[in-house]
C-alpha atoms as a PDB file:
ATOM      1  CA  MET A   1      -0.575  18.537  76.874  1.00  0.00           C
ATOM      2  CA  LYS A   2       1.042  15.495  75.423  1.00  0.00           C
ATOM      3  CA  LYS A   3      -1.588  15.527  72.686  1.00  0.00           C
ATOM      4  CA  ALA A   4      -0.787  19.128  71.798  1.00  0.00           C
ATOM      5  CA  LYS A   5       2.917  18.331  71.540  1.00  0.00           C
ATOM      6  CA  ASN A   6       2.204  15.344  69.235  1.00  0.00           C
ATOM      7  CA  ARG A   7      -0.045  17.455  67.061  1.00  0.00           C
ATOM      8  CA  THR A   8       2.615  20.207  66.832  1.00  0.00           C
ATOM      9  CA  ALA A   9       5.314  17.666  66.032  1.00  0.00           C
ATOM     10  CA  SER A  10       3.183  16.051  63.296  1.00  0.00           C
ATOM     11  CA  THR A  11       2.302  19.453  61.881  1.00  0.00           C
ATOM     12  CA  VAL A  12       5.997  20.434  61.756  1.00  0.00           C
ATOM     13  CA  ALA A  13       6.861  17.091  60.182  1.00  0.00           C
ATOM     14  CA  THR A  14       4.138  17.478  57.571  1.00  0.00           C
ATOM     15  CA  MET A  15       5.223  21.045  56.753  1.00  0.00           C
ATOM     16  CA  LEU A  16       8.826  19.850  56.477  1.00  0.00           C
ATOM     17  CA  VAL A  17       7.834  17.069  54.059  1.00  0.00           C
ATOM     18  CA  ILE A  18       5.802  19.549  51.952  1.00  0.00           C
ATOM     19  CA  ALA A  19       8.706  22.028  51.957  1.00  0.00           C
ATOM     20  CA  LEU A  20      11.152  19.304  50.864  1.00  0.00           C
ATOM     21  CA  ALA A  21       8.747  18.194  48.113  1.00  0.00           C
ATOM     22  CA  ILE A  22       8.437  21.767  46.837  1.00  0.00           C
ATOM     23  CA  LEU A  23      12.218  22.275  46.887  1.00  0.00           C
ATOM     24  CA  SER A  24      12.806  18.906  45.150  1.00  0.00           C
ATOM     25  CA  PHE A  25      10.316  19.811  42.445  1.00  0.00           C
ATOM     26  CA  TYR A  26      11.891  23.252  42.022  1.00  0.00           C
ATOM     27  CA  PHE A  27      15.437  21.842  41.597  1.00  0.00           C
ATOM     28  CA  TYR A  28      14.168  19.064  39.312  1.00  0.00           C
ATOM     29  CA  TRP A  29      12.364  21.576  37.107  1.00  0.00           C
ATOM     30  CA  SER A  30      15.285  24.043  37.077  1.00  0.00           C
ATOM     31  CA  TYR A  31      17.855  21.487  35.960  1.00  0.00           C
ATOM     32  CA  ARG A  32      15.446  19.796  33.574  1.00  0.00           C
ATOM     33  CA  THR A  33      14.666  22.964  31.581  1.00  0.00           C
ATOM     34  CA  LYS A  34      18.186  24.371  31.581  1.00  0.00           C
ATOM     35  CA  PRO A  35      19.618  21.834  29.076  1.00  0.00           C
ATOM     36  CA  LEU A  36      16.625  22.453  26.826  1.00  0.00           C
ATOM     37  CA  GLU A  37      17.573  26.148  26.665  1.00  0.00           C
ATOM     38  CA  GLU A  38      21.197  25.287  25.927  1.00  0.00           C
ATOM     39  CA  THR A  39      20.265  22.977  23.056  1.00  0.00           C
ATOM     40  CA  SER A  40      17.568  25.152  21.497  1.00  0.00           C
ATOM     41  CA  PRO A  41      18.223  25.795  17.791  1.00  0.00           C
ATOM     42  CA  GLU A  42      19.203  29.393  18.518  1.00  0.00           C
ATOM     43  CA  ASN A  43      21.974  28.247  20.872  1.00  0.00           C
ATOM     44  CA  MET A  44      23.324  25.395  18.745  1.00  0.00           C
ATOM     45  CA  THR A  45      26.479  25.604  16.713  1.00  0.00           C
ATOM     46  CA  GLU A  46      26.212  24.804  13.002  1.00  0.00           C
ATOM     47  CA  ILE A  47      27.867  21.428  13.638  1.00  0.00           C
ATOM     48  CA  GLN A  48      25.328  20.589  16.371  1.00  0.00           C
ATOM     49  CA  LYS A  49      22.508  21.478  13.987  1.00  0.00           C
ATOM     50  CA  LEU A  50      23.958  19.221  11.299  1.00  0.00           C
ATOM     51  CA  LEU A  51      24.536  16.379  13.740  1.00  0.00           C
ATOM     52  CA  ASN A  52      20.969  16.649  15.004  1.00  0.00           C
ATOM     53  CA  LYS A  53      19.541  16.331  11.493  1.00  0.00           C
ATOM     54  CA  ASP A  54      17.513  13.121  11.298  1.00  0.00           C
ATOM     55  CA  LEU A  55      18.288  11.908   7.822  1.00  0.00           C
ATOM     56  CA  ASP A  56      16.161   8.806   8.277  1.00  0.00           C
ATOM     57  CA  GLN A  57      13.042  10.872   8.740  1.00  0.00           C
ATOM     58  CA  ASN A  58      13.989  14.082   6.851  1.00  0.00           C
ATOM     59  CA  TYR A  59      16.266  13.102   4.002  1.00  0.00           C
ATOM     60  CA  PRO A  60      16.670  15.851   1.349  1.00  0.00           C
ATOM     61  CA  GLU A  61      14.205  15.324  -1.447  1.00  0.00           C
ATOM     62  CA  THR A  62      16.228  16.447  -4.451  1.00  0.00           C
ATOM     63  CA  ALA A  63      19.759  15.892  -5.709  1.00  0.00           C
ATOM     64  CA  ARG A  64      20.404  19.629  -5.402  1.00  0.00           C
ATOM     65  CA  GLU A  65      19.346  19.570  -1.717  1.00  0.00           C
ATOM     66  CA  VAL A  66      21.628  16.604  -1.026  1.00  0.00           C
ATOM     67  CA  THR A  67      24.534  18.382  -2.704  1.00  0.00           C
ATOM     68  CA  LYS A  68      23.813  21.602  -0.808  1.00  0.00           C
ATOM     69  CA  LEU A  69      23.728  19.712   2.530  1.00  0.00           C
ATOM     70  CA  PHE A  70      26.990  17.974   1.600  1.00  0.00           C
ATOM     71  CA  GLY A  71      28.592  21.345   0.869  1.00  0.00           C
ATOM     72  CA  ASN A  72      27.492  22.684   4.250  1.00  0.00           C
ATOM     73  CA  MET A  73      28.813  19.604   5.983  1.00  0.00           C
ATOM     74  CA  MET A  74      32.154  19.817   4.211  1.00  0.00           C
ATOM     75  CA  LYS A  75      32.518  23.503   5.048  1.00  0.00           C
ATOM     76  CA  ASN A  76      31.943  22.754   8.724  1.00  0.00           C
ATOM     77  CA  LEU A  77      34.063  19.611   8.670  1.00  0.00           C
ATOM     78  CA  TYR A  78      37.174  21.509   7.657  1.00  0.00           C
ATOM     79  CA  ASP A  79      36.662  24.232  10.276  1.00  0.00           C
ATOM     80  CA  ASN A  80      38.456  24.115  13.622  1.00  0.00           C
ATOM     81  CA  ASN A  81      36.719  21.217  15.356  1.00  0.00           C
ATOM     82  CA  SER A  82      37.559  18.614  17.954  1.00  0.00           C
ATOM     83  CA  ASP A  83      38.313  15.050  16.857  1.00  0.00           C
ATOM     84  CA  GLU A  84      34.950  13.955  18.288  1.00  0.00           C
ATOM     85  CA  GLU A  85      33.080  16.542  16.202  1.00  0.00           C
ATOM     86  CA  ILE A  86      35.065  15.604  13.064  1.00  0.00           C
ATOM     87  CA  GLU A  87      34.286  11.924  13.479  1.00  0.00           C
ATOM     88  CA  ALA A  88      30.617  12.498  14.267  1.00  0.00           C
ATOM     89  CA  LEU A  89      30.158  14.810  11.276  1.00  0.00           C
ATOM     90  CA  ALA A  90      32.171  12.502   8.969  1.00  0.00           C
ATOM     91  CA  LEU A  91      29.900   9.598   9.940  1.00  0.00           C
ATOM     92  CA  LYS A  92      26.826  11.835   9.337  1.00  0.00           C
ATOM     93  CA  ILE A  93      28.157  12.698   5.845  1.00  0.00           C
ATOM     94  CA  ARG A  94      28.427   8.965   5.105  1.00  0.00           C
ATOM     95  CA  GLU A  95      24.636   8.810   5.379  1.00  0.00           C
ATOM     96  CA  LEU A  96      24.566  10.810   2.102  1.00  0.00           C
ATOM     97  CA  TYR A  97      26.818   8.347   0.288  1.00  0.00           C
ATOM     98  CA  ASP A  98      25.711   5.650  -2.133  1.00  0.00           C
ATOM     99  CA  GLU A  99      26.187   2.033  -0.978  1.00  0.00           C
ATOM    100  CA  GLU A 100      28.750   1.442  -3.746  1.00  0.00           C
ATOM    101  CA  PHE A 101      30.767   4.474  -2.526  1.00  0.00           C
ATOM    102  CA  LEU A 102      30.598   3.209   1.080  1.00  0.00           C
ATOM    103  CA  VAL A 103      31.909  -0.223   0.094  1.00  0.00           C
ATOM    104  CA  ALA A 104      34.792   1.367  -1.815  1.00  0.00           C
ATOM    105  CA  ASN A 105      35.596   3.633   1.211  1.00  0.00           C
ATOM    106  CA  PRO A 106      35.436   1.592   4.421  1.00  0.00           C
ATOM    107  CA  GLU A 107      34.812   3.665   7.553  1.00  0.00           C
ATOM    108  CA  ASP A 108      38.271   3.160   9.126  1.00  0.00           C
ATOM    109  CA  SER A 109      40.268   4.138   6.051  1.00  0.00           C
ATOM    110  CA  TYR A 110      37.811   6.924   5.254  1.00  0.00           C
ATOM    111  CA  LEU A 111      38.325   8.476   8.723  1.00  0.00           C
ATOM    112  CA  GLN A 112      42.066   7.981   8.611  1.00  0.00           C
ATOM    113  CA  ASN A 113      42.304   9.762   5.214  1.00  0.00           C
ATOM    114  CA  LEU A 114      39.988  12.472   6.421  1.00  0.00           C
ATOM    115  CA  TYR A 115      42.018  13.204   9.555  1.00  0.00           C
ATOM    116  CA  SER A 116      45.204  13.354   7.448  1.00  0.00           C
ATOM    117  CA  ASP A 117      43.559  15.750   4.924  1.00  0.00           C
ATOM    118  CA  ILE A 118      42.197  18.014   7.679  1.00  0.00           C
ATOM    119  CA  ALA A 119      45.619  18.098   9.356  1.00  0.00           C
ATOM    120  CA  SER A 120      47.256  19.225   6.120  1.00  0.00           C
ATOM    121  CA  TRP A 121      44.555  21.928   5.708  1.00  0.00           C
ATOM    122  CA  LYS A 122      45.242  23.211   9.238  1.00  0.00           C
ATOM    123  CA  GLU A 123      48.948  23.238   8.570  1.00  0.00           C
ATOM    124  CA  ALA A 124      48.416  25.307   5.422  1.00  0.00           C
ATOM    125  CA  ASN A 125      45.947  27.573   7.298  1.00  0.00           C
ATOM    126  CA  ARG A 126      43.378  26.642   4.630  1.00  0.00           C
ATOM    127  CA  ARG A 127      39.590  26.682   5.140  1.00  0.00           C
ATOM    128  CA  ILE A 128      36.368  26.674   3.188  1.00  0.00           C
ATOM    129  CA  SER A 129      34.769  30.120   3.582  1.00  0.00           C
ATOM    130  CA  ASN A 130      31.739  29.463   1.383  1.00  0.00           C
ATOM    131  CA  TYR A 131      30.098  26.975  -0.982  1.00  0.00           C
ATOM    132  CA  ASN A 132      27.391  27.222  -3.608  1.00  0.00           C
ATOM    133  CA  LEU A 133      25.754  25.186  -6.302  1.00  0.00           C
ATOM    134  CA  VAL A 134      26.774  26.156  -9.793  1.00  0.00           C
ATOM    135  CA  ASP A 135      24.115  27.233 -12.264  1.00  0.00           C
ATOM    136  CA  SER A 136      21.225  24.815 -12.523  1.00  0.00           C
ATOM    137  CA  ASP A 137      21.543  24.832 -16.347  1.00  0.00           C
ATOM    138  CA  MET A 138      24.679  22.730 -15.944  1.00  0.00           C
ATOM    139  CA  VAL A 139      22.919  19.838 -14.203  1.00  0.00           C
ATOM    140  CA  GLU A 140      23.308  16.656 -16.237  1.00  0.00           C
ATOM    141  CA  GLU A 141      20.645  13.967 -15.780  1.00  0.00           C
ATOM    142  CA  GLN A 142      20.225  10.553 -17.362  1.00  0.00           C
ATOM    143  CA  GLU A 143      18.534   7.233 -16.742  1.00  0.00           C
ATOM    144  CA  LEU A 144      20.249   3.900 -17.278  1.00  0.00           C
ATOM    145  CA  GLU A 145      18.330   0.640 -16.872  1.00  0.00           C
ATOM    146  CA  GLY A 146      15.646   2.334 -14.802  1.00  0.00           C
ATOM    147  CA  VAL A 147      18.118   4.039 -12.419  1.00  0.00           C
ATOM    148  CA  LYS A 148      18.386   7.848 -12.377  1.00  0.00           C
ATOM    149  CA  TYR A 149      21.805   9.550 -12.308  1.00  0.00           C
ATOM    150  CA  THR A 150      22.670  13.237 -12.124  1.00  0.00           C
ATOM    151  CA  VAL A 151      25.729  15.464 -12.089  1.00  0.00           C
ATOM    152  CA  ILE A 152      25.720  18.708 -10.133  1.00  0.00           C
ATOM    153  CA  TYR A 153      28.590  21.164  -9.823  1.00  0.00           C
ATOM    154  CA  LEU A 154      29.450  22.407  -6.340  1.00  0.00           C
ATOM    155  CA  ALA A 155      31.878  25.329  -5.952  1.00  0.00           C
ATOM    156  CA  PHE A 156      33.854  25.860  -2.734  1.00  0.00           C
ATOM    157  CA  THR A 157      35.449  29.234  -1.988  1.00  0.00           C
ATOM    158  CA  ILE A 158      38.678  28.369  -0.239  1.00  0.00           C
ATOM    159  CA  GLN A 159      40.727  30.792   1.818  1.00  0.00           C
ATOM    160  CA  GLU A 160      44.500  30.243   1.790  1.00  0.00           C
ATOM    161  CA  ASN A 161      46.783  33.214   1.172  1.00  0.00           C
ATOM    162  CA  GLY A 162      43.835  34.827  -0.581  1.00  0.00           C
ATOM    163  CA  LYS A 163      40.691  33.268  -1.983  1.00  0.00           C
ATOM    164  CA  PHE A 164      40.182  30.828  -4.821  1.00  0.00           C
ATOM    165  CA  THR A 165      37.388  28.618  -6.049  1.00  0.00           C
ATOM    166  CA  GLU A 166      37.520  24.855  -6.366  1.00  0.00           C
ATOM    167  CA  THR A 167      34.685  23.255  -8.247  1.00  0.00           C
ATOM    168  CA  TRP A 168      33.601  19.648  -7.721  1.00  0.00           C
ATOM    169  CA  LYS A 169      31.633  17.624 -10.196  1.00  0.00           C
ATOM    170  CA  MET A 170      29.261  15.690  -7.916  1.00  0.00           C
ATOM    171  CA  MET A 171      27.804  12.411  -9.224  1.00  0.00           C
ATOM    172  CA  LEU A 172      24.567  11.178  -7.595  1.00  0.00           C
ATOM    173  CA  ARG A 173      22.365   8.194  -8.095  1.00  0.00           C
ATOM    174  CA  GLN A 174      18.825   7.494  -6.874  1.00  0.00           C
ATOM    175  CA  ASP A 175      18.604   4.403  -4.660  1.00  0.00           C
ATOM    176  CA  LYS A 176      15.692   1.942  -4.400  1.00  0.00           C
ATOM    177  CA  GLU A 177      13.945   4.243  -1.946  1.00  0.00           C
ATOM    178  CA  LYS A 178      14.181   7.124  -4.429  1.00  0.00           C
ATOM    179  CA  LYS A 179      16.735   8.952  -2.287  1.00  0.00           C
ATOM    180  CA  TRP A 180      19.566  10.741  -4.080  1.00  0.00           C
ATOM    181  CA  LYS A 181      22.906   9.388  -2.846  1.00  0.00           C
ATOM    182  CA  ILE A 182      26.401  10.633  -3.614  1.00  0.00           C
ATOM    183  CA  LEU A 183      28.241   8.185  -5.841  1.00  0.00           C
ATOM    184  CA  GLY A 184      31.469  10.191  -5.952  1.00  0.00           C
ATOM    185  CA  TRP A 185      33.014  13.436  -7.153  1.00  0.00           C
ATOM    186  CA  GLN A 186      35.888  14.869  -9.172  1.00  0.00           C
ATOM    187  CA  VAL A 187      37.667  18.159  -8.806  1.00  0.00           C
ATOM    188  CA  VAL A 188      37.229  20.092 -12.023  1.00  0.00           C
ATOM    189  CA  PRO A 189      40.645  21.256 -13.299  1.00  0.00           C
ATOM    190  CA  SER A 190      41.020  25.016 -12.765  1.00  0.00           C
ATOM    191  CA  ASP A 191      41.456  25.890 -16.453  1.00  0.00           C
ATOM    192  CA  THR A 192      37.992  24.426 -17.212  1.00  0.00           C
ATOM    193  CA  GLN A 193      36.211  25.430 -14.035  1.00  0.00           C
ATOM    194  CA  THR A 194      32.817  26.995 -14.340  1.00  0.00           C
ATOM    195  CA  ASN A 195      31.934  29.925 -12.079  1.00  0.00           C
END
């Protein structure tokens, strides 16, 4: 009789261990797959998609693609975002900048100026509603001492008491790795803007 009780006790203990293992696996799998669903591309915000872009592995191949990505980043940067999102996206944008531009705009002062600019945009209830590259016929390219330079025009549609367009003359230079990097930009005066 004692043997039967021991066998029953060991059977119950084994079943309990198996049940706990199954439950543990179920909870592990449930919580493991849930974050994957939340961060799938369909569920990501545009900022999350931009922040998840691996520019080391998938840097835009052409100057136009770099400018287009920059336009998308700027549009999202000036939207209603948290300070953490602004800083993360601002640092991501810096990956598109030429080394010379980065040296002229140290990270701390760059972020400080950016936060100030974004605050004034919010105060004025101003936002970028759209962006596009201006006609490809206007692209200016040249090569100096073996280094390629290009100018591309990027137009932002800005909403503030109506809509208006602000065009930026983007200057890019190819680095040693043949990646197009943003060297700087100028806002084209409105009387000479190209649309």
